[in-house]
Amino acid sequence: MSSDPPRSLPSPPGLPTVTPPSGSMFFRLFGVPALIVGGLVLLLIVGQPLLGKLSQYFLGRTWGSASPEQFLRDLDNTNKEVRWRAANDLAQVLLRDDKLASDSDFALQLVQRLRRTLSSSAPFEKAHAEHFAKLSPEEERRETAKLEPDRDYILLLTQCLGHFMVPLGAPVLEELAMQQSGLDPRALGARRRQALWALANLGENIKRFDKLPSQQQETILSELETTAHALRFISPAGEKEKGEGEAKAALDYLQKRRAGRPSALGMDRVIQKCAAADDPSLRELAAFAANFWSGTAAENARIEETLLRLCDDPGKGEEELAQLEDENTEQETRKLVKKPGFRVQVNAAVALARQGWKVHLPLLQTMLDEDELRSIFVIQSKTGGAEQPDQATVVQIMLNALKAVVELHRKNPRLDLSSLRPNIDKLAHNPNLAVQTEAGRVVLALGNP
């Protein structure tokens, strides 16, 4: 028998010669991939702590590994970019981290910083407001630039306090929302709007407390009680009294909420006050905030009465607001509302429906009529030209109205909504998929007419 190595077998015509695989080929086919996979596995096992540290370094501040102390240091940083980044990161973390969002000590630290900044900046804001009207545009820009650092800091702290589930920030936010003097008109309006927006967010975030396990709720209440007690021994006296009162108010509110006896925490008065403002954007935000707050029968009646009044809003102040928008040279178009007060009206109608209170059905009917909405909300070029329907706004209003109708029916199932059915059925065949889907949900919820 021959001991020669086997020779390649002759291949059929047209096919390449087949040769036995060599050792180097086996290594390339199987050895190299095995080494790569093994190396990756080893990296994951051995390098996991390093990867964790790297992820904390790059992502930690956004996803919750940064401590309250780190956030406070960054918020106190004199560098504007560091402050803004910290505030934005904190807002994201608070929405996802129940522990941080219920940290009463942390929330109180932010409240105290906000109060100190408001107090220290108040004399300068007042002096600026007193001679604001006499300043030339250039002087006004210079004076405003001096006030901007404190104004920005107040804005950041205001935004952050709206993302907690413990309402320690409610009292100071309510004070800001109802403030009527002490700043120049534009700055005052902006501050009140910021505070109202934060209060609306706070009302929504407090609902997270209701979904927590009972033991976790107990822990939060216990920590609040400890915070209130500890503040008795903290100086200065004025800050101590304020902080202790805010901690006790938050504790009392959450205890009553847990027992099924929630209050509006003073928001009925805030909504009522802001609904009477000359600034239409404040009235609009007051109606929006009413979606997220309810309380005792008397408080609910006060909010409901305010919303019903806003359903007939006459549009006071809209011309001044439009003039300010025209001054914005960055925008080439202007958004017009052909029906005075309608933006405020639709927000009030949605809030009433979502709360299950008295509703203005003809107003809801209009909000479900696409053709009519397209004639009310239009876009116009600042250089002239034909008006075009503001379709994005039209779609958003229809979606909000449809969602509100579902909530209204859920909370008040005996209410006759048959007058809305023709418009709802029509929207169920709307070319916009989101509108069509939402209208289909409403049809299913309402059942057969």
Protein backbone atom coordinates (compact mmCIF):
# COMPACT_ATOMS: atom_id res chain seq x y z
CA MET A 1 0.00 0.00 0.00
CA SER A 2 1.42 3.39 -0.96
CA SER A 3 2.21 5.87 1.85
CA ASP A 4 2.11 8.90 -0.46
CA PRO A 5 -0.28 11.65 0.61
CA PRO A 6 -3.60 11.58 -1.16
CA ARG A 7 -3.67 13.52 -4.36
CA SER A 8 -6.42 15.88 -5.39
CA LEU A 9 -9.26 14.07 -7.08
CA PRO A 10 -9.88 15.03 -10.67
CA SER A 11 -12.79 17.47 -10.85
CA PRO A 12 -15.55 17.32 -13.39
CA PRO A 13 -15.02 19.69 -16.28
CA GLY A 14 -15.98 23.29 -15.42
CA LEU A 15 -15.39 23.02 -11.62
CA PRO A 16 -12.29 24.16 -9.68
CA THR A 17 -9.83 21.65 -8.28
CA VAL A 18 -10.73 20.50 -4.74
CA THR A 19 -7.80 20.33 -2.32
CA PRO A 20 -7.82 19.17 1.31
CA PRO A 21 -7.96 22.14 3.80
CA SER A 22 -4.62 22.98 5.39
CA GLY A 23 -3.96 23.73 9.08
CA SER A 24 -3.56 27.45 8.42
CA MET A 25 -6.94 27.51 6.70
CA PHE A 26 -8.58 25.82 9.72
CA PHE A 27 -7.06 28.49 11.97
CA ARG A 28 -8.32 31.33 9.77
CA LEU A 29 -11.82 29.84 9.57
CA PHE A 30 -12.29 28.84 13.22
CA GLY A 31 -9.36 29.95 15.36
CA VAL A 32 -9.43 33.68 14.64
CA PRO A 33 -13.21 34.07 15.24
CA ALA A 34 -12.88 32.05 18.43
CA LEU A 35 -10.13 34.34 19.68
CA ILE A 36 -12.22 37.43 18.87
CA VAL A 37 -15.32 36.09 20.65
CA GLY A 38 -13.22 34.94 23.61
CA GLY A 39 -11.59 38.34 23.85
CA LEU A 40 -14.95 40.11 23.90
CA VAL A 41 -16.26 37.78 26.59
CA LEU A 42 -13.12 38.36 28.67
CA LEU A 43 -13.49 42.12 28.21
CA LEU A 44 -17.08 41.99 29.45
CA ILE A 45 -16.10 39.94 32.50
CA VAL A 46 -12.89 41.67 33.48
CA GLY A 47 -13.71 45.13 32.20
CA GLN A 48 -17.26 45.44 33.53
CA PRO A 49 -16.24 47.69 36.44
CA LEU A 50 -14.32 49.91 34.04
CA LEU A 51 -17.24 50.06 31.62
CA GLY A 52 -19.52 50.91 34.52
CA LYS A 53 -17.27 53.78 35.55
CA LEU A 54 -17.02 55.05 31.99
CA SER A 55 -20.81 54.92 31.56
CA GLN A 56 -21.24 56.75 34.86
CA TYR A 57 -18.77 59.39 33.73
CA PHE A 58 -20.40 60.00 30.36
CA LEU A 59 -24.04 59.18 31.11
CA GLY A 60 -24.32 59.20 34.86
CA ARG A 61 -25.53 62.73 35.27
CA THR A 62 -28.31 62.12 32.81
CA TRP A 63 -29.43 58.72 34.06
CA GLY A 64 -29.26 59.03 37.78
CA SER A 65 -25.81 58.15 39.13
CA ALA A 66 -25.00 61.78 40.01
CA SER A 67 -25.77 62.54 43.63
CA PRO A 68 -27.93 65.44 44.83
CA GLU A 69 -24.72 67.08 46.05
CA GLN A 70 -23.22 66.88 42.54
CA PHE A 71 -26.32 68.38 40.98
CA LEU A 72 -26.30 71.19 43.55
CA ARG A 73 -22.63 71.94 42.86
CA ASP A 74 -23.29 72.11 39.13
CA LEU A 75 -26.39 74.26 39.56
CA ASP A 76 -24.37 76.63 41.75
CA ASN A 77 -21.59 76.83 39.16
CA THR A 78 -21.06 80.34 37.79
CA ASN A 79 -20.56 78.88 34.30
CA LYS A 80 -23.87 79.24 32.47
CA GLU A 81 -23.32 76.18 30.30
CA VAL A 82 -22.64 73.96 33.33
CA ARG A 83 -25.80 75.23 35.01
CA TRP A 84 -28.02 74.63 32.00
CA ARG A 85 -26.60 71.16 31.42
CA ALA A 86 -27.11 70.25 35.08
CA ALA A 87 -30.70 71.50 35.04
CA ASN A 88 -31.53 69.61 31.85
CA ASP A 89 -29.89 66.43 33.16
CA LEU A 90 -31.70 66.76 36.49
CA ALA A 91 -35.06 67.18 34.78
CA GLN A 92 -34.51 63.91 32.90
CA VAL A 93 -33.35 62.05 36.01
CA LEU A 94 -36.26 63.25 38.15
CA LEU A 95 -38.75 61.89 35.62
CA ARG A 96 -37.22 58.40 35.87
CA ASP A 97 -35.79 58.17 39.37
CA ASP A 98 -38.55 57.93 41.99
CA LYS A 99 -36.03 58.00 44.84
CA LEU A 100 -34.48 61.28 43.75
CA ALA A 101 -37.86 62.77 42.83
CA SER A 102 -39.10 62.06 46.36
CA ASP A 103 -35.94 63.29 48.14
CA SER A 104 -37.39 65.98 50.41
CA ASP A 105 -34.00 67.27 51.58
CA PHE A 106 -32.86 67.74 47.98
CA ALA A 107 -36.09 69.47 46.97
CA LEU A 108 -35.83 71.77 49.98
CA GLN A 109 -32.26 72.70 49.05
CA LEU A 110 -33.50 73.83 45.64
CA VAL A 111 -36.38 75.76 47.22
CA GLN A 112 -33.97 77.56 49.55
CA ARG A 113 -31.66 78.47 46.67
CA LEU A 114 -34.61 79.81 44.71
CA ARG A 115 -35.83 81.94 47.63
CA ARG A 116 -32.34 83.32 48.32
CA THR A 117 -31.85 84.31 44.68
CA LEU A 118 -35.29 85.90 44.51
CA SER A 119 -34.55 87.87 47.66
CA SER A 120 -31.07 89.03 46.63
CA SER A 121 -32.17 90.04 43.11
CA ALA A 122 -35.42 91.76 44.15
CA PRO A 123 -33.95 95.26 44.86
CA PHE A 124 -32.16 95.31 41.50
CA GLU A 125 -35.25 94.08 39.64
CA LYS A 126 -37.38 96.72 41.35
CA ALA A 127 -34.97 99.52 40.48
CA HIS A 128 -34.83 98.32 36.89
CA ALA A 129 -38.63 98.15 36.65
CA GLU A 130 -39.01 101.70 37.95
CA HIS A 131 -37.00 103.29 35.13
CA PHE A 132 -37.49 100.58 32.49
CA ALA A 133 -39.80 102.71 30.33
CA LYS A 134 -37.26 105.56 30.17
CA LEU A 135 -34.38 103.45 28.84
CA SER A 136 -33.22 103.54 25.25
CA PRO A 137 -33.03 100.15 23.49
CA GLU A 138 -29.25 100.05 23.97
CA GLU A 139 -29.50 100.99 27.66
CA GLU A 140 -32.24 98.43 28.15
CA ARG A 141 -30.02 95.68 26.68
CA ARG A 142 -27.12 96.63 28.95
CA GLU A 143 -29.28 96.74 32.07
CA THR A 144 -30.98 93.47 31.25
CA ALA A 145 -27.62 91.75 30.70
CA LYS A 146 -26.72 92.52 34.34
CA LEU A 147 -29.90 90.83 35.55
CA GLU A 148 -29.70 87.78 33.28
CA PRO A 149 -27.53 85.52 35.50
CA ASP A 150 -30.03 85.62 38.39
CA ARG A 151 -33.00 85.44 36.01
CA ASP A 152 -31.55 82.33 34.35
CA TYR A 153 -30.83 80.72 37.71
CA ILE A 154 -34.40 81.38 38.88
CA LEU A 155 -35.72 79.85 35.64
CA LEU A 156 -33.59 76.70 36.06
CA LEU A 157 -34.62 76.16 39.70
CA THR A 158 -38.27 76.80 38.80
CA GLN A 159 -38.16 74.15 36.08
CA CYS A 160 -36.47 71.58 38.33
CA LEU A 161 -39.01 71.94 41.15
CA GLY A 162 -41.81 71.03 38.79
CA HIS A 163 -40.36 67.53 38.27
CA PHE A 164 -40.48 66.35 41.90
CA MET A 165 -43.24 64.13 43.28
CA VAL A 166 -43.02 65.83 46.69
CA PRO A 167 -44.65 69.27 46.43
CA LEU A 168 -42.13 71.20 48.53
CA GLY A 169 -41.75 73.74 45.72
CA ALA A 170 -45.47 74.47 45.39
CA PRO A 171 -45.62 77.50 47.75
CA VAL A 172 -42.77 79.44 46.12
CA LEU A 173 -43.94 78.52 42.61
CA GLU A 174 -47.43 79.74 43.47
CA GLU A 175 -46.00 83.02 44.76
CA LEU A 176 -44.17 83.51 41.46
CA ALA A 177 -47.24 82.64 39.39
CA MET A 178 -49.32 85.27 41.20
CA GLN A 179 -46.62 87.98 41.38
CA GLN A 180 -47.89 91.24 39.91
CA SER A 181 -45.07 93.73 40.45
CA GLY A 182 -41.35 94.04 41.11
CA LEU A 183 -40.12 93.35 37.55
CA ASP A 184 -40.45 95.02 34.18
CA PRO A 185 -43.62 93.85 32.38
CA ARG A 186 -41.95 91.42 29.97
CA ALA A 187 -39.78 89.78 32.63
CA LEU A 188 -42.74 89.55 35.01
CA GLY A 189 -44.91 87.87 32.40
CA ALA A 190 -42.15 85.39 31.53
CA ARG A 191 -41.56 84.52 35.20
CA ARG A 192 -45.26 83.95 35.85
CA ARG A 193 -45.55 81.72 32.79
CA GLN A 194 -42.51 79.70 33.86
CA ALA A 195 -43.99 79.19 37.33
CA LEU A 196 -47.39 78.14 35.97
CA TRP A 197 -45.78 75.64 33.61
CA ALA A 198 -43.77 74.19 36.49
CA LEU A 199 -46.93 73.91 38.61
CA ALA A 200 -48.69 72.03 35.80
CA ASN A 201 -45.74 69.62 35.66
CA LEU A 202 -45.76 69.27 39.43
CA GLY A 203 -49.46 68.36 39.41
CA GLU A 204 -48.77 65.58 36.92
CA ASN A 205 -45.64 64.28 38.69
CA ILE A 206 -47.35 64.08 42.08
CA LYS A 207 -49.55 61.34 40.59
CA ARG A 208 -46.48 59.11 40.62
CA PHE A 209 -46.73 59.04 44.42
CA ASP A 210 -50.13 57.32 44.14
CA LYS A 211 -48.62 54.44 42.14
CA LEU A 212 -45.80 53.67 44.58
CA PRO A 213 -45.98 50.63 46.89
CA SER A 214 -47.38 51.39 50.33
CA GLN A 215 -44.04 50.84 52.04
CA GLN A 216 -42.31 53.30 49.72
CA GLN A 217 -45.02 55.88 50.38
CA GLU A 218 -44.46 55.44 54.11
CA THR A 219 -40.74 56.02 53.66
CA ILE A 220 -41.36 59.27 51.77
CA LEU A 221 -43.77 60.53 54.43
CA SER A 222 -41.33 59.59 57.19
CA GLU A 223 -38.49 61.45 55.45
CA LEU A 224 -40.69 64.51 55.05
CA GLU A 225 -41.57 64.43 58.73
CA THR A 226 -37.87 64.13 59.63
CA THR A 227 -37.03 67.06 57.35
CA ALA A 228 -39.71 69.24 58.94
CA HIS A 229 -38.46 68.37 62.43
CA ALA A 230 -34.78 68.92 61.55
CA LEU A 231 -35.49 72.40 60.19
CA ARG A 232 -36.31 73.62 63.69
CA PHE A 233 -32.60 73.58 64.46
CA ILE A 234 -31.39 75.22 61.23
CA SER A 235 -30.57 78.90 60.91
CA PRO A 236 -31.23 81.54 59.73
CA ALA A 237 -34.57 81.85 61.46
CA GLY A 238 -36.55 83.22 58.53
CA GLU A 239 -35.39 80.45 56.22
CA LYS A 240 -36.04 77.87 58.94
CA GLU A 241 -39.64 78.98 59.40
CA LYS A 242 -40.30 79.01 55.66
CA GLY A 243 -38.74 75.59 55.14
CA GLU A 244 -40.50 74.01 58.09
CA GLY A 245 -43.84 75.35 56.88
CA GLU A 246 -43.25 74.06 53.35
CA ALA A 247 -42.22 70.61 54.60
CA LYS A 248 -45.28 70.38 56.87
CA ALA A 249 -47.60 71.52 54.06
CA ALA A 250 -46.16 68.91 51.70
CA LEU A 251 -46.47 66.21 54.37
CA ASP A 252 -50.07 67.13 55.14
CA TYR A 253 -50.94 67.20 51.43
CA LEU A 254 -49.49 63.74 50.71
CA GLN A 255 -51.08 62.23 53.83
CA LYS A 256 -54.51 63.49 52.79
CA ARG A 257 -53.95 62.40 49.20
CA ARG A 258 -53.01 58.92 50.38
CA ALA A 259 -56.17 58.79 52.47
CA GLY A 260 -58.31 59.70 49.44
CA ARG A 261 -58.88 63.31 50.55
CA PRO A 262 -56.65 65.35 48.22
CA SER A 263 -56.60 69.13 48.25
CA ALA A 264 -55.71 71.52 45.44
CA LEU A 265 -52.78 72.78 47.54
CA GLY A 266 -53.78 76.39 46.81
CA MET A 267 -53.86 75.91 43.05
CA ASP A 268 -57.53 76.86 42.88
CA ARG A 269 -56.53 80.40 43.93
CA VAL A 270 -53.56 80.46 41.56
CA ILE A 271 -55.67 79.39 38.57
CA GLN A 272 -58.32 81.92 39.48
CA LYS A 273 -55.76 84.73 39.78
CA CYS A 274 -53.92 83.94 36.56
CA ALA A 275 -57.19 83.51 34.66
CA ALA A 276 -57.91 87.19 35.36
CA ALA A 277 -54.57 88.39 33.91
CA ASP A 278 -54.42 90.77 30.97
CA ASP A 279 -51.81 88.51 29.35
CA PRO A 280 -53.68 85.93 27.21
CA SER A 281 -50.79 83.45 27.45
CA LEU A 282 -51.20 83.45 31.25
CA ARG A 283 -54.92 82.77 30.91
CA GLU A 284 -54.15 79.96 28.47
CA LEU A 285 -51.61 78.41 30.87
CA ALA A 286 -54.01 78.77 33.79
CA ALA A 287 -56.54 76.67 31.86
CA PHE A 288 -53.82 74.17 30.97
CA ALA A 289 -52.67 73.82 34.59
CA ALA A 290 -56.26 73.04 35.62
CA ASN A 291 -55.90 69.67 33.87
CA PHE A 292 -53.59 68.47 36.65
CA TRP A 293 -55.07 69.82 39.88
CA SER A 294 -58.25 69.04 41.81
CA GLY A 295 -59.16 68.90 45.48
CA THR A 296 -62.09 69.43 47.80
CA ALA A 297 -65.59 70.13 46.54
CA ALA A 298 -65.17 73.85 47.23
CA GLU A 299 -61.78 73.99 45.49
CA ASN A 300 -63.09 72.07 42.47
CA ALA A 301 -66.09 74.38 42.23
CA ARG A 302 -63.75 77.38 42.18
CA ILE A 303 -61.59 75.89 39.41
CA GLU A 304 -64.65 74.80 37.42
CA GLU A 305 -66.20 78.26 37.65
CA THR A 306 -62.94 79.81 36.44
CA LEU A 307 -62.72 77.42 33.48
CA LEU A 308 -66.32 78.05 32.45
CA ARG A 309 -65.54 81.75 32.42
CA LEU A 310 -62.48 81.12 30.26
CA CYS A 311 -64.66 79.22 27.77
CA ASP A 312 -65.99 82.67 26.82
CA ASP A 313 -62.60 84.41 26.85
CA PRO A 314 -62.84 87.62 24.78
CA GLY A 315 -59.21 87.64 23.66
CA LYS A 316 -58.02 90.63 25.69
CA GLY A 317 -54.32 91.36 25.16
CA GLU A 318 -53.95 89.30 21.98
CA GLU A 319 -53.08 92.32 19.86
CA GLU A 320 -50.14 93.20 22.12
CA LEU A 321 -48.98 89.59 22.01
CA ALA A 322 -49.19 89.55 18.20
CA GLN A 323 -47.14 92.75 18.07
CA LEU A 324 -44.39 91.14 20.17
CA GLU A 325 -44.41 88.13 17.84
CA ASP A 326 -44.01 90.43 14.83
CA GLU A 327 -40.92 91.94 16.45
CA ASN A 328 -39.27 88.52 16.36
CA THR A 329 -37.16 88.86 13.24
CA GLU A 330 -36.09 85.20 13.33
CA GLN A 331 -39.54 84.09 12.21
CA GLU A 332 -40.61 84.72 8.62
CA THR A 333 -44.27 83.87 9.27
CA ARG A 334 -46.86 84.76 11.86
CA LYS A 335 -49.54 82.48 13.31
CA LEU A 336 -52.99 84.05 13.46
CA VAL A 337 -56.13 83.02 15.33
CA LYS A 338 -59.16 84.45 13.55
CA LYS A 339 -61.48 83.94 16.51
CA PRO A 340 -60.56 86.15 19.51
CA GLY A 341 -59.86 84.24 22.69
CA PHE A 342 -60.13 80.86 21.02
CA ARG A 343 -56.76 79.53 22.23
CA VAL A 344 -57.78 80.16 25.82
CA GLN A 345 -61.25 78.76 25.18
CA VAL A 346 -60.04 75.43 23.81
CA ASN A 347 -57.66 74.92 26.74
CA ALA A 348 -60.48 75.60 29.18
CA ALA A 349 -62.82 73.20 27.37
CA VAL A 350 -60.22 70.42 27.39
CA ALA A 351 -59.57 70.89 31.13
CA LEU A 352 -63.27 70.78 31.97
CA ALA A 353 -63.75 67.62 29.92
CA ARG A 354 -60.72 65.84 31.35
CA GLN A 355 -61.86 66.63 34.88
CA GLY A 356 -65.39 65.36 34.09
CA TRP A 357 -66.99 68.68 35.08
CA LYS A 358 -69.52 70.87 33.29
CA VAL A 359 -68.65 71.19 29.65
CA HIS A 360 -69.30 73.61 26.83
CA LEU A 361 -70.46 71.07 24.21
CA PRO A 362 -70.74 73.56 21.29
CA LEU A 363 -67.10 74.51 21.91
CA LEU A 364 -66.02 70.85 21.89
CA GLN A 365 -68.04 70.40 18.72
CA THR A 366 -66.06 73.19 17.04
CA MET A 367 -62.80 71.62 18.21
CA LEU A 368 -63.81 68.43 16.38
CA ASP A 369 -64.65 70.23 13.12
CA GLU A 370 -61.54 70.27 10.94
CA ASP A 371 -62.93 72.63 8.30
CA GLU A 372 -63.88 75.24 10.87
CA LEU A 373 -60.56 74.93 12.68
CA ARG A 374 -58.68 75.44 9.39
CA SER A 375 -60.50 78.75 8.97
CA ILE A 376 -59.64 79.86 12.52
CA PHE A 377 -55.94 78.91 12.73
CA VAL A 378 -53.89 80.26 9.82
CA ILE A 379 -50.30 81.08 8.94
CA GLN A 380 -49.34 84.24 7.10
CA SER A 381 -46.01 85.39 5.71
CA LYS A 382 -44.74 88.63 7.28
CA THR A 383 -44.00 89.92 3.79
CA GLY A 384 -47.57 89.36 2.63
CA GLY A 385 -49.22 86.70 0.54
CA ALA A 386 -52.16 84.38 0.98
CA GLU A 387 -52.99 82.81 4.32
CA GLN A 388 -52.59 79.07 4.76
CA PRO A 389 -54.28 76.84 7.36
CA ASP A 390 -52.08 76.10 10.35
CA GLN A 391 -52.55 72.36 9.94
CA ALA A 392 -50.19 71.34 12.75
CA THR A 393 -52.22 73.34 15.28
CA VAL A 394 -55.49 72.07 13.82
CA VAL A 395 -54.40 68.44 14.20
CA GLN A 396 -53.17 68.99 17.76
CA ILE A 397 -56.46 70.57 18.82
CA MET A 398 -58.48 67.72 17.30
CA LEU A 399 -56.31 65.14 19.07
CA ASN A 400 -56.61 66.97 22.40
CA ALA A 401 -60.37 67.23 21.99
CA LEU A 402 -60.75 63.53 21.15
CA LYS A 403 -58.68 62.48 24.18
CA ALA A 404 -60.68 64.83 26.38
CA VAL A 405 -63.97 63.32 25.17
CA VAL A 406 -62.78 59.84 26.22
CA GLU A 407 -61.94 61.13 29.71
CA LEU A 408 -65.22 63.02 29.92
CA HIS A 409 -67.20 59.89 29.08
CA ARG A 410 -65.18 57.81 31.55
CA LYS A 411 -65.75 60.22 34.42
CA ASN A 412 -69.29 61.26 33.47
CA PRO A 413 -70.80 58.33 31.52
CA ARG A 414 -74.37 59.60 31.80
CA LEU A 415 -73.66 62.82 29.94
CA ASP A 416 -75.30 62.93 26.51
CA LEU A 417 -72.55 63.37 23.92
CA SER A 418 -74.67 62.56 20.87
CA SER A 419 -74.17 66.07 19.45
CA LEU A 420 -70.47 65.27 19.05
CA ARG A 421 -70.93 61.95 17.23
CA PRO A 422 -71.22 63.27 13.63
CA ASN A 423 -67.88 65.06 13.90
CA ILE A 424 -66.23 62.14 15.69
CA ASP A 425 -67.48 59.65 13.08
CA LYS A 426 -66.15 61.88 10.33
CA LEU A 427 -62.73 62.12 12.00
CA ALA A 428 -62.61 58.32 12.18
CA HIS A 429 -62.02 58.48 8.40
CA ASN A 430 -59.59 61.41 8.52
CA PRO A 431 -56.51 61.06 6.28
CA ASN A 432 -54.28 61.86 9.25
CA LEU A 433 -53.52 58.48 10.82
CA ALA A 434 -53.13 59.81 14.38
CA VAL A 435 -56.51 61.59 14.21
CA GLN A 436 -58.14 58.57 12.61
CA THR A 437 -56.82 56.23 15.31
CA GLU A 438 -57.82 58.51 18.18
CA ALA A 439 -61.30 59.03 16.72
CA GLY A 440 -61.67 55.25 16.43
CA ARG A 441 -60.85 54.95 20.15
CA VAL A 442 -63.57 57.46 20.96
CA VAL A 443 -66.13 55.62 18.84
CA LEU A 444 -65.35 52.40 20.69
CA ALA A 445 -65.51 54.14 24.06
CA LEU A 446 -68.86 55.78 23.36
CA GLY A 447 -70.39 52.64 21.85
CA ASN A 448 -73.43 52.65 19.57
CA PRO A 449 -75.28 55.97 19.43
